């Protein structure tokens, strides 16, 4: 990205901005993670930012997917995959409860 961050993958949205509580809970349940920012217009736009495992992350709702970013483009691939899997599982769990 222009700011030096890396878009490392996406997670399909299940409910648009209504996914945000499940994503925030997923971040809260990641050991040692700290949510650093969250903003939404409650209609179509949402950003969630957090720090975990020594890296800064963000996800943004775009075109029906949650695009995931990491500030350090050299972050380990296995960590990035764990983040994607963790967020996807949280949304799958939430969709299963609906």
C-alpha atoms as a PDB file:
ATOM      1  CA  UNK A   1       0.000   0.000   0.000  1.00  0.00           C
ATOM      2  CA  UNK A   2       1.080   3.631  -0.385  1.00  0.00           C
ATOM      3  CA  UNK A   3       1.624   3.948   3.364  1.00  0.00           C
ATOM      4  CA  UNK A   4       3.923   0.896   3.409  1.00  0.00           C
ATOM      5  CA  UNK A   5       1.372  -1.456   4.922  1.00  0.00           C
ATOM      6  CA  UNK A   6       0.497  -4.761   3.299  1.00  0.00           C
ATOM      7  CA  UNK A   7      -2.937  -6.031   2.358  1.00  0.00           C
ATOM      8  CA  UNK A   8      -2.437  -9.713   3.136  1.00  0.00           C
ATOM      9  CA  UNK A   9      -5.852 -11.214   2.475  1.00  0.00           C
ATOM     10  CA  UNK A  10      -9.556 -10.937   2.967  1.00  0.00           C
ATOM     11  CA  UNK A  11     -12.367 -12.611   4.839  1.00  0.00           C
ATOM     12  CA  UNK A  12     -15.838 -12.758   3.278  1.00  0.00           C
ATOM     13  CA  UNK A  13     -18.370 -10.658   5.124  1.00  0.00           C
ATOM     14  CA  UNK A  14     -21.411 -12.470   6.511  1.00  0.00           C
ATOM     15  CA  UNK A  15     -23.452  -9.419   7.491  1.00  0.00           C
ATOM     16  CA  UNK A  16     -21.647  -6.259   6.368  1.00  0.00           C
ATOM     17  CA  UNK A  17     -20.978  -3.755   9.134  1.00  0.00           C
ATOM     18  CA  UNK A  18     -23.001  -5.991  11.463  1.00  0.00           C
ATOM     19  CA  UNK A  19     -19.950  -8.325  11.466  1.00  0.00           C
ATOM     20  CA  UNK A  20     -18.074  -5.739  13.504  1.00  0.00           C
ATOM     21  CA  UNK A  21     -19.072  -7.017  16.988  1.00  0.00           C
ATOM     22  CA  UNK A  22     -17.913 -10.538  16.102  1.00  0.00           C
ATOM     23  CA  UNK A  23     -14.606  -9.213  14.747  1.00  0.00           C
ATOM     24  CA  UNK A  24     -14.062  -7.076  17.834  1.00  0.00           C
ATOM     25  CA  UNK A  25     -14.751 -10.114  20.023  1.00  0.00           C
ATOM     26  CA  UNK A  26     -12.278 -12.155  17.958  1.00  0.00           C
ATOM     27  CA  UNK A  27      -9.590  -9.545  18.554  1.00  0.00           C
ATOM     28  CA  UNK A  28     -10.440  -9.466  22.272  1.00  0.00           C
ATOM     29  CA  UNK A  29     -10.000 -13.252  22.452  1.00  0.00           C
ATOM     30  CA  UNK A  30      -6.587 -13.242  20.737  1.00  0.00           C
ATOM     31  CA  UNK A  31      -4.047 -13.629  23.573  1.00  0.00           C
ATOM     32  CA  UNK A  32      -2.288 -10.340  24.214  1.00  0.00           C
ATOM     33  CA  UNK A  33      -4.168  -8.411  21.516  1.00  0.00           C
ATOM     34  CA  UNK A  34      -5.215  -4.817  22.072  1.00  0.00           C
ATOM     35  CA  UNK A  35      -7.863  -3.049  20.020  1.00  0.00           C
ATOM     36  CA  UNK A  36      -6.483   0.364  19.058  1.00  0.00           C
ATOM     37  CA  UNK A  37      -9.297   1.776  16.950  1.00  0.00           C
ATOM     38  CA  UNK A  38     -12.751   1.114  15.578  1.00  0.00           C
ATOM     39  CA  UNK A  39     -14.932   3.313  13.424  1.00  0.00           C
ATOM     40  CA  UNK A  40     -18.107   2.636  11.481  1.00  0.00           C
ATOM     41  CA  UNK A  41     -20.895   4.585   9.882  1.00  0.00           C
ATOM     42  CA  UNK A  42     -23.200   1.652  10.844  1.00  0.00           C
ATOM     43  CA  UNK A  43     -24.315   1.411   7.202  1.00  0.00           C
ATOM     44  CA  UNK A  44     -21.534   0.435   4.785  1.00  0.00           C
ATOM     45  CA  UNK A  45     -18.150   1.517   6.183  1.00  0.00           C
ATOM     46  CA  UNK A  46     -16.109   0.028   9.020  1.00  0.00           C
ATOM     47  CA  UNK A  47     -12.484  -0.102  10.136  1.00  0.00           C
ATOM     48  CA  UNK A  48     -11.048  -2.118  13.008  1.00  0.00           C
ATOM     49  CA  UNK A  49      -7.440  -1.721  14.185  1.00  0.00           C
ATOM     50  CA  UNK A  50      -5.499  -3.766  16.727  1.00  0.00           C
ATOM     51  CA  UNK A  51      -2.044  -4.834  17.852  1.00  0.00           C
ATOM     52  CA  UNK A  52      -1.026  -8.430  18.467  1.00  0.00           C
ATOM     53  CA  UNK A  53       2.172 -10.445  18.466  1.00  0.00           C
ATOM     54  CA  UNK A  54       4.265  -7.310  17.956  1.00  0.00           C
ATOM     55  CA  UNK A  55       2.389  -6.178  14.838  1.00  0.00           C
ATOM     56  CA  UNK A  56      -0.292  -3.615  14.013  1.00  0.00           C
ATOM     57  CA  UNK A  57      -3.291  -4.894  12.045  1.00  0.00           C
ATOM     58  CA  UNK A  58      -6.415  -3.406  10.501  1.00  0.00           C
ATOM     59  CA  UNK A  59      -9.415  -4.679   8.610  1.00  0.00           C
ATOM     60  CA  UNK A  60     -11.763  -2.673   6.442  1.00  0.00           C
ATOM     61  CA  UNK A  61     -15.066  -3.638   4.846  1.00  0.00           C
ATOM     62  CA  UNK A  62     -14.731  -3.362   1.054  1.00  0.00           C
ATOM     63  CA  UNK A  63     -16.999  -4.824  -1.641  1.00  0.00           C
ATOM     64  CA  UNK A  64     -18.443  -7.512   0.634  1.00  0.00           C
ATOM     65  CA  UNK A  65     -15.124  -8.611   2.136  1.00  0.00           C
ATOM     66  CA  UNK A  66     -13.059  -7.630   5.141  1.00  0.00           C
ATOM     67  CA  UNK A  67      -9.676  -6.620   3.703  1.00  0.00           C
ATOM     68  CA  UNK A  68      -6.886  -7.290   6.177  1.00  0.00           C
ATOM     69  CA  UNK A  69      -3.754  -5.165   6.510  1.00  0.00           C
ATOM     70  CA  UNK A  70      -0.557  -5.378   8.513  1.00  0.00           C
ATOM     71  CA  UNK A  71       1.621  -2.326   9.113  1.00  0.00           C
ATOM     72  CA  UNK A  72       4.904  -4.241   8.671  1.00  0.00           C
ATOM     73  CA  UNK A  73       4.919  -5.851   5.217  1.00  0.00           C
ATOM     74  CA  UNK A  74       7.579  -8.312   6.454  1.00  0.00           C
ATOM     75  CA  UNK A  75       5.278  -9.865   9.074  1.00  0.00           C
ATOM     76  CA  UNK A  76       5.541 -13.676   9.076  1.00  0.00           C
ATOM     77  CA  UNK A  77       3.213 -15.464   6.664  1.00  0.00           C
ATOM     78  CA  UNK A  78       2.141 -17.983   9.310  1.00  0.00           C
ATOM     79  CA  UNK A  79       0.994 -15.166  11.611  1.00  0.00           C
ATOM     80  CA  UNK A  80      -0.964 -13.526   8.807  1.00  0.00           C
ATOM     81  CA  UNK A  81      -2.689 -16.821   7.988  1.00  0.00           C
ATOM     82  CA  UNK A  82      -3.564 -17.317  11.672  1.00  0.00           C
ATOM     83  CA  UNK A  83      -5.153 -13.850  11.713  1.00  0.00           C
ATOM     84  CA  UNK A  84      -7.243 -14.629   8.605  1.00  0.00           C
ATOM     85  CA  UNK A  85      -8.305 -18.000  10.013  1.00  0.00           C
ATOM     86  CA  UNK A  86      -9.187 -16.487  13.396  1.00  0.00           C
ATOM     87  CA  UNK A  87     -11.336 -13.741  11.894  1.00  0.00           C
ATOM     88  CA  UNK A  88     -13.070 -16.128   9.470  1.00  0.00           C
ATOM     89  CA  UNK A  89     -13.850 -18.564  12.282  1.00  0.00           C
ATOM     90  CA  UNK A  90     -15.353 -15.763  14.378  1.00  0.00           C
ATOM     91  CA  UNK A  91     -17.642 -14.757  11.521  1.00  0.00           C
ATOM     92  CA  UNK A  92     -18.564 -18.388  10.803  1.00  0.00           C
ATOM     93  CA  UNK A  93     -19.424 -18.914  14.486  1.00  0.00           C
ATOM     94  CA  UNK A  94     -21.568 -15.780  14.510  1.00  0.00           C
ATOM     95  CA  UNK A  95     -23.361 -16.780  11.295  1.00  0.00           C
ATOM     96  CA  UNK A  96     -24.057 -20.216  12.779  1.00  0.00           C
ATOM     97  CA  UNK A  97     -25.785 -18.617  15.757  1.00  0.00           C
ATOM     98  CA  UNK A  98     -28.087 -16.502  13.596  1.00  0.00           C
END
